[in-house]
């Protein structure tokens, strides 16, 4: 399948919602998809910048195959320019290490050998290497392995449609609810991200959302309440929301670390609006999953470790209410 189309003398890249119109020799905003004449080539196809085995909870996904291992991979490049990026060494870098080539079969075999239940496309923005991720995901399905996208949510509508039946779970960064901040400081477009979140949910892909709370950037009570209202009204109260603490990095070395009080404020706002599953990351807070019906603790966690999992056939063992997510 090709993710580009001809438009006069240019090729239009269909991977993300920038829809870069490229002349021969030009590369898109991401820095890694190039018009080479007869097609747009994904220059990072097969060339990894990172390959690790992570707990699925690190994505973070708390309602998707808990306590399982995920083979996690990324390339270089990104279509956003977040000043607080915590993987900036690879995301804001277009230098491809041609010595780090992995075929689709090699990646799937590593996942099988290491007894991973999924493969995660993460570390940098996976949308920009979707042709590679897609091929891996389809091969992985032959062996019962699931695929996970950790993304900024700026996929094209074409990619979102194609993901149905290919990608099993996604954690999307909803970085702010200020359209001007998105456009001027991050990249992309808030409305596109919101529309994509709605379509991902409609496509029956397991969805969790992360908001990195950055002091003075997106931590006002009004903005956090707007995020919560959007989740509730458009995605439902059962979509897990991860509120994560920022630590000084990349171009934001002078900002202070997110205070616990900011996380607690976001948590309280979410719970006051009825969100059932809210988790505070990069902190010392407990992040247990409790039954939305009876309050029974179902999954006890310590950081990324599962201390106890009492979910029985996807349900609360006490009141039999189904726990929202994928548990087998």
Protein backbone atom coordinates (compact mmCIF):
# COMPACT_ATOMS: atom_id res chain seq x y z
CA UNK A 1 0.00 0.00 0.00
CA UNK A 2 1.35 3.45 -0.83
CA UNK A 3 0.84 6.52 1.33
CA UNK A 4 1.32 9.26 -1.24
CA UNK A 5 -0.50 10.67 -4.26
CA UNK A 6 0.41 12.70 -7.34
CA UNK A 7 -0.60 16.36 -7.43
CA UNK A 8 0.71 18.14 -10.52
CA UNK A 9 4.53 18.10 -10.35
CA UNK A 10 4.59 17.15 -6.67
CA UNK A 11 3.88 14.08 -4.57
CA UNK A 12 1.69 14.54 -1.51
CA UNK A 13 2.70 12.52 1.56
CA UNK A 14 -0.33 10.87 3.18
CA UNK A 15 1.29 9.76 6.42
CA UNK A 16 0.46 12.68 8.68
CA UNK A 17 -1.91 15.61 8.58
CA UNK A 18 0.69 18.06 7.31
CA UNK A 19 0.14 16.47 3.88
CA UNK A 20 3.54 17.72 2.71
CA UNK A 21 3.61 18.51 -1.02
CA UNK A 22 7.08 17.52 -2.13
CA UNK A 23 9.05 18.22 -5.27
CA UNK A 24 11.63 15.67 -6.40
CA UNK A 25 14.42 15.63 -3.83
CA UNK A 26 12.38 17.30 -1.11
CA UNK A 27 11.81 15.79 2.34
CA UNK A 28 8.75 16.37 4.49
CA UNK A 29 8.44 18.18 7.83
CA UNK A 30 9.43 14.93 9.55
CA UNK A 31 12.80 14.89 7.79
CA UNK A 32 12.58 11.21 6.86
CA UNK A 33 10.04 10.86 4.03
CA UNK A 34 11.45 11.97 0.68
CA UNK A 35 10.22 12.38 -2.88
CA UNK A 36 12.77 10.33 -4.83
CA UNK A 37 11.07 10.81 -8.20
CA UNK A 38 8.54 8.05 -8.68
CA UNK A 39 7.47 7.68 -5.06
CA UNK A 40 7.88 8.99 -1.53
CA UNK A 41 10.39 6.79 0.24
CA UNK A 42 10.40 6.29 4.00
CA UNK A 43 14.14 6.73 4.57
CA UNK A 44 14.05 5.15 8.04
CA UNK A 45 12.34 1.94 6.89
CA UNK A 46 14.22 -0.79 8.78
CA UNK A 47 16.71 1.58 10.44
CA UNK A 48 16.20 1.70 14.19
CA UNK A 49 17.53 4.19 16.70
CA UNK A 50 16.21 2.25 19.69
CA UNK A 51 15.14 -1.34 20.41
CA UNK A 52 14.25 -2.45 23.93
CA UNK A 53 11.98 -4.75 25.87
CA UNK A 54 9.66 -2.75 28.12
CA UNK A 55 6.75 -3.52 30.40
CA UNK A 56 3.57 -2.50 28.60
CA UNK A 57 2.85 -0.22 31.57
CA UNK A 58 5.75 1.99 30.44
CA UNK A 59 3.98 3.04 27.22
CA UNK A 60 1.89 3.87 29.34
CA UNK A 61 -0.92 1.37 28.83
CA UNK A 62 -2.61 0.22 32.04
CA UNK A 63 -5.66 -1.49 30.55
CA UNK A 64 -3.95 -3.48 27.80
CA UNK A 65 -2.35 -6.87 28.54
CA UNK A 66 -1.15 -5.83 32.03
CA UNK A 67 2.24 -7.15 33.22
CA UNK A 68 3.15 -8.29 29.70
CA UNK A 69 6.36 -7.44 27.83
CA UNK A 70 6.43 -5.34 24.68
CA UNK A 71 9.25 -5.16 22.16
CA UNK A 72 9.64 -1.41 21.74
CA UNK A 73 11.28 0.29 18.78
CA UNK A 74 11.77 3.69 17.22
CA UNK A 75 13.67 5.44 14.46
CA UNK A 76 14.86 9.04 14.16
CA UNK A 77 12.70 11.98 13.17
CA UNK A 78 9.43 13.60 14.18
CA UNK A 79 6.74 15.83 12.71
CA UNK A 80 6.45 17.91 15.93
CA UNK A 81 8.98 20.26 17.57
CA UNK A 82 8.09 20.09 21.27
CA UNK A 83 10.55 22.13 23.33
CA UNK A 84 10.16 19.72 26.27
CA UNK A 85 10.66 16.49 24.30
CA UNK A 86 12.19 13.82 26.51
CA UNK A 87 13.47 11.77 23.58
CA UNK A 88 14.83 14.75 21.65
CA UNK A 89 18.17 13.04 20.89
CA UNK A 90 16.40 10.81 18.39
CA UNK A 91 13.15 12.63 17.61
CA UNK A 92 14.86 15.89 16.64
CA UNK A 93 17.58 14.10 14.71
CA UNK A 94 17.51 13.04 11.06
CA UNK A 95 20.86 11.24 10.97
CA UNK A 96 20.07 7.65 10.01
CA UNK A 97 22.45 4.95 11.24
CA UNK A 98 22.60 2.62 8.26
CA UNK A 99 24.37 0.00 10.40
CA UNK A 100 21.22 -0.54 12.46
CA UNK A 101 19.03 -2.30 9.90
CA UNK A 102 16.38 -4.78 11.00
CA UNK A 103 14.04 -6.62 8.66
CA UNK A 104 10.38 -7.14 9.48
CA UNK A 105 11.01 -10.85 10.06
CA UNK A 106 13.94 -10.14 12.38
CA UNK A 107 11.86 -7.85 14.58
CA UNK A 108 8.97 -10.30 14.83
CA UNK A 109 11.38 -13.14 15.61
CA UNK A 110 12.98 -11.12 18.43
CA UNK A 111 9.55 -10.45 19.90
CA UNK A 112 8.71 -14.15 19.77
CA UNK A 113 12.05 -15.26 21.24
CA UNK A 114 11.79 -12.77 24.11
CA UNK A 115 8.20 -13.85 24.83
CA UNK A 116 6.75 -10.41 24.19
CA UNK A 117 2.99 -10.22 23.68
CA UNK A 118 3.16 -7.05 21.63
CA UNK A 119 5.39 -4.78 19.57
CA UNK A 120 5.32 -1.07 20.38
CA UNK A 121 6.18 1.71 17.95
CA UNK A 122 7.39 4.44 20.24
CA UNK A 123 10.33 6.66 21.37
CA UNK A 124 9.89 8.96 18.36
CA UNK A 125 6.69 9.63 16.39
CA UNK A 126 5.76 6.31 14.73
CA UNK A 127 3.39 7.89 12.20
CA UNK A 128 6.42 8.98 10.18
CA UNK A 129 7.52 5.35 9.78
CA UNK A 130 4.03 3.86 9.47
CA UNK A 131 4.90 1.87 6.30
CA UNK A 132 7.50 -0.03 8.33
CA UNK A 133 5.31 -0.34 11.43
CA UNK A 134 2.40 -1.57 9.33
CA UNK A 135 4.47 -4.33 7.72
CA UNK A 136 5.72 -5.44 11.14
CA UNK A 137 2.21 -5.38 12.61
CA UNK A 138 0.75 -7.52 9.82
CA UNK A 139 3.56 -10.08 10.13
CA UNK A 140 3.23 -10.08 13.93
CA UNK A 141 -0.47 -10.92 13.68
CA UNK A 142 0.46 -14.21 12.03
CA UNK A 143 1.95 -15.22 15.38
CA UNK A 144 -0.70 -13.72 17.66
CA UNK A 145 1.37 -10.66 18.57
CA UNK A 146 -0.40 -7.34 19.01
CA UNK A 147 0.81 -3.90 17.95
CA UNK A 148 0.88 -0.65 19.93
CA UNK A 149 1.27 2.95 18.74
CA UNK A 150 2.55 5.66 21.10
CA UNK A 151 1.81 8.80 19.15
CA UNK A 152 1.20 12.54 19.09
CA UNK A 153 -2.10 11.87 17.31
CA UNK A 154 -1.36 13.83 14.13
CA UNK A 155 -1.87 10.92 11.74
CA UNK A 156 -3.55 11.56 8.41
CA UNK A 157 -7.16 10.48 8.05
CA UNK A 158 -5.90 7.86 5.57
CA UNK A 159 -3.58 6.31 8.15
CA UNK A 160 -6.24 6.39 10.88
CA UNK A 161 -8.60 4.50 8.56
CA UNK A 162 -5.88 2.00 7.62
CA UNK A 163 -5.01 1.27 11.26
CA UNK A 164 -8.29 -0.55 11.88
CA UNK A 165 -7.43 -4.22 12.20
CA UNK A 166 -3.69 -3.46 12.03
CA UNK A 167 -2.93 -1.54 15.24
CA UNK A 168 -4.46 -2.95 18.43
CA UNK A 169 -3.80 -0.21 20.99
CA UNK A 170 -2.74 3.42 21.05
CA UNK A 171 -1.59 5.87 23.66
CA UNK A 172 -2.05 9.37 22.29
CA UNK A 173 -0.50 12.52 23.74
CA UNK A 174 -3.12 15.20 24.18
CA UNK A 175 -0.48 17.79 24.92
CA UNK A 176 -2.65 20.84 25.49
CA UNK A 177 -6.08 22.26 24.83
CA UNK A 178 -4.79 25.59 23.51
CA UNK A 179 -4.92 25.65 19.71
CA UNK A 180 -2.42 28.53 19.51
CA UNK A 181 0.10 26.75 21.74
CA UNK A 182 -0.23 23.62 19.58
CA UNK A 183 0.33 25.54 16.37
CA UNK A 184 3.14 27.84 17.51
CA UNK A 185 5.07 25.74 20.03
CA UNK A 186 4.40 22.06 19.37
CA UNK A 187 3.34 21.44 15.80
CA UNK A 188 0.21 20.04 14.32
CA UNK A 189 -3.30 21.21 15.03
CA UNK A 190 -5.44 20.64 18.11
CA UNK A 191 -8.62 20.04 16.11
CA UNK A 192 -6.93 17.34 14.00
CA UNK A 193 -5.68 15.57 17.14
CA UNK A 194 -9.15 15.70 18.70
CA UNK A 195 -10.82 14.44 15.52
CA UNK A 196 -8.27 11.62 15.31
CA UNK A 197 -8.94 10.59 18.90
CA UNK A 198 -12.64 10.31 18.10
CA UNK A 199 -11.95 8.25 14.97
CA UNK A 200 -9.50 5.96 16.77
CA UNK A 201 -12.18 5.22 19.33
CA UNK A 202 -14.72 4.56 16.55
CA UNK A 203 -12.26 2.15 14.90
CA UNK A 204 -12.36 -0.02 18.01
CA UNK A 205 -8.65 0.44 18.72
CA UNK A 206 -7.92 0.35 22.46
CA UNK A 207 -7.19 3.95 23.45
CA UNK A 208 -5.47 5.59 26.39
CA UNK A 209 -4.49 9.26 26.62
CA UNK A 210 -1.47 10.95 28.17
CA UNK A 211 -1.07 14.61 29.09
CA UNK A 212 2.40 15.70 30.20
CA UNK A 213 1.71 18.54 32.61
CA UNK A 214 4.33 21.22 31.93
CA UNK A 215 4.49 24.09 34.43
CA UNK A 216 3.32 27.43 32.98
CA UNK A 217 2.52 25.79 29.61
CA UNK A 218 -0.62 23.68 30.07
CA UNK A 219 -1.20 23.40 33.83
CA UNK A 220 -3.99 25.90 34.38
CA UNK A 221 -7.20 24.67 35.96
CA UNK A 222 -9.21 25.93 32.98
CA UNK A 223 -7.12 24.07 30.42
CA UNK A 224 -7.08 20.83 32.39
CA UNK A 225 -10.84 21.04 32.80
CA UNK A 226 -11.23 21.54 29.04
CA UNK A 227 -9.17 18.39 28.38
CA UNK A 228 -11.31 16.41 30.82
CA UNK A 229 -14.55 17.70 29.30
CA UNK A 230 -13.38 16.73 25.82
CA UNK A 231 -12.50 13.20 26.96
CA UNK A 232 -15.82 12.76 28.76
CA UNK A 233 -18.03 14.19 26.03
CA UNK A 234 -16.31 12.69 23.00
CA UNK A 235 -14.51 9.53 24.11
CA UNK A 236 -16.31 8.47 27.27
CA UNK A 237 -15.52 8.26 30.95
CA UNK A 238 -13.92 4.83 30.61
CA UNK A 239 -10.93 5.94 28.49
CA UNK A 240 -7.87 5.93 30.80
CA UNK A 241 -6.18 9.34 31.24
CA UNK A 242 -2.52 9.42 32.28
CA UNK A 243 -1.40 12.73 33.77
CA UNK A 244 2.37 12.74 33.79
CA UNK A 245 4.95 14.90 35.56
CA UNK A 246 7.41 16.90 33.46
CA UNK A 247 11.10 17.02 34.30
CA UNK A 248 13.44 19.67 32.82
CA UNK A 249 14.76 18.51 29.45
CA UNK A 250 15.81 19.63 25.96
CA UNK A 251 14.98 23.36 25.56
CA UNK A 252 13.07 23.65 28.82
CA UNK A 253 15.93 23.26 31.28
CA UNK A 254 14.85 26.33 33.24
CA UNK A 255 11.35 25.09 34.02
CA UNK A 256 10.77 23.41 37.35
CA UNK A 257 9.58 19.84 37.65
CA UNK A 258 5.83 19.41 37.83
CA UNK A 259 4.67 19.66 41.43
CA UNK A 260 2.60 16.92 42.98
CA UNK A 261 -0.08 19.53 43.65
CA UNK A 262 -0.53 20.03 39.89
CA UNK A 263 -1.01 16.31 39.34
CA UNK A 264 -3.46 16.14 42.22
CA UNK A 265 -5.41 19.10 40.83
CA UNK A 266 -5.71 17.41 37.43
CA UNK A 267 -6.71 14.14 39.11
CA UNK A 268 -9.38 15.85 41.21
CA UNK A 269 -10.79 17.66 38.15
CA UNK A 270 -10.99 14.38 36.24
CA UNK A 271 -12.70 12.54 39.07
CA UNK A 272 -15.15 15.40 39.67
CA UNK A 273 -16.26 15.03 36.04
CA UNK A 274 -16.65 11.29 36.39
CA UNK A 275 -13.60 9.86 34.60
CA UNK A 276 -13.23 6.33 35.93
CA UNK A 277 -9.55 5.65 35.29
CA UNK A 278 -7.05 8.41 36.05
CA UNK A 279 -3.36 7.72 36.67
CA UNK A 280 -0.52 9.98 37.83
CA UNK A 281 2.78 9.14 36.14
CA UNK A 282 6.44 10.04 36.75
CA UNK A 283 5.55 10.39 40.42
CA UNK A 284 5.36 8.40 43.64
CA UNK A 285 1.56 8.25 43.66
CA UNK A 286 -0.13 4.86 43.74
CA UNK A 287 -1.78 3.99 40.45
CA UNK A 288 -4.07 1.13 41.30
CA UNK A 289 -6.95 0.23 39.01
CA UNK A 290 -10.22 -0.05 40.88
CA UNK A 291 -13.62 -1.35 39.82
CA UNK A 292 -15.79 1.50 38.60
CA UNK A 293 -18.84 -0.16 40.14
CA UNK A 294 -17.86 -1.38 43.61
CA UNK A 295 -14.46 0.22 44.20
CA UNK A 296 -12.60 -3.08 44.63
CA UNK A 297 -8.85 -2.81 43.90
CA UNK A 298 -8.30 -4.93 40.78
CA UNK A 299 -4.69 -4.18 39.80
CA UNK A 300 -2.07 -2.97 42.28
CA UNK A 301 1.00 -1.26 40.83
CA UNK A 302 4.34 0.03 42.00
CA UNK A 303 5.75 2.23 39.26
CA UNK A 304 5.70 -0.09 36.20
CA UNK A 305 5.46 -3.30 38.22
CA UNK A 306 2.23 -5.22 38.78
CA UNK A 307 2.08 -6.32 42.42
CA UNK A 308 -1.32 -7.98 42.14
CA UNK A 309 -3.79 -8.57 39.32
CA UNK A 310 -7.20 -9.73 40.48
CA UNK A 311 -9.01 -9.26 37.17
CA UNK A 312 -10.88 -12.48 36.39
CA UNK A 313 -11.91 -13.09 32.80
CA UNK A 314 -11.78 -9.34 32.25
CA UNK A 315 -14.10 -8.68 35.18
CA UNK A 316 -14.11 -7.63 38.80
CA UNK A 317 -14.08 -10.83 40.90
CA UNK A 318 -16.35 -9.22 43.50
CA UNK A 319 -19.24 -7.71 41.51
CA UNK A 320 -18.53 -9.18 38.04
CA UNK A 321 -18.46 -5.74 36.36
CA UNK A 322 -16.38 -5.80 33.18
CA UNK A 323 -13.13 -3.85 33.37
CA UNK A 324 -12.68 -1.67 30.31
CA UNK A 325 -9.66 -2.74 28.26
CA UNK A 326 -7.92 -5.75 26.73
CA UNK A 327 -6.87 -8.45 29.16
CA UNK A 328 -6.04 -11.46 27.02
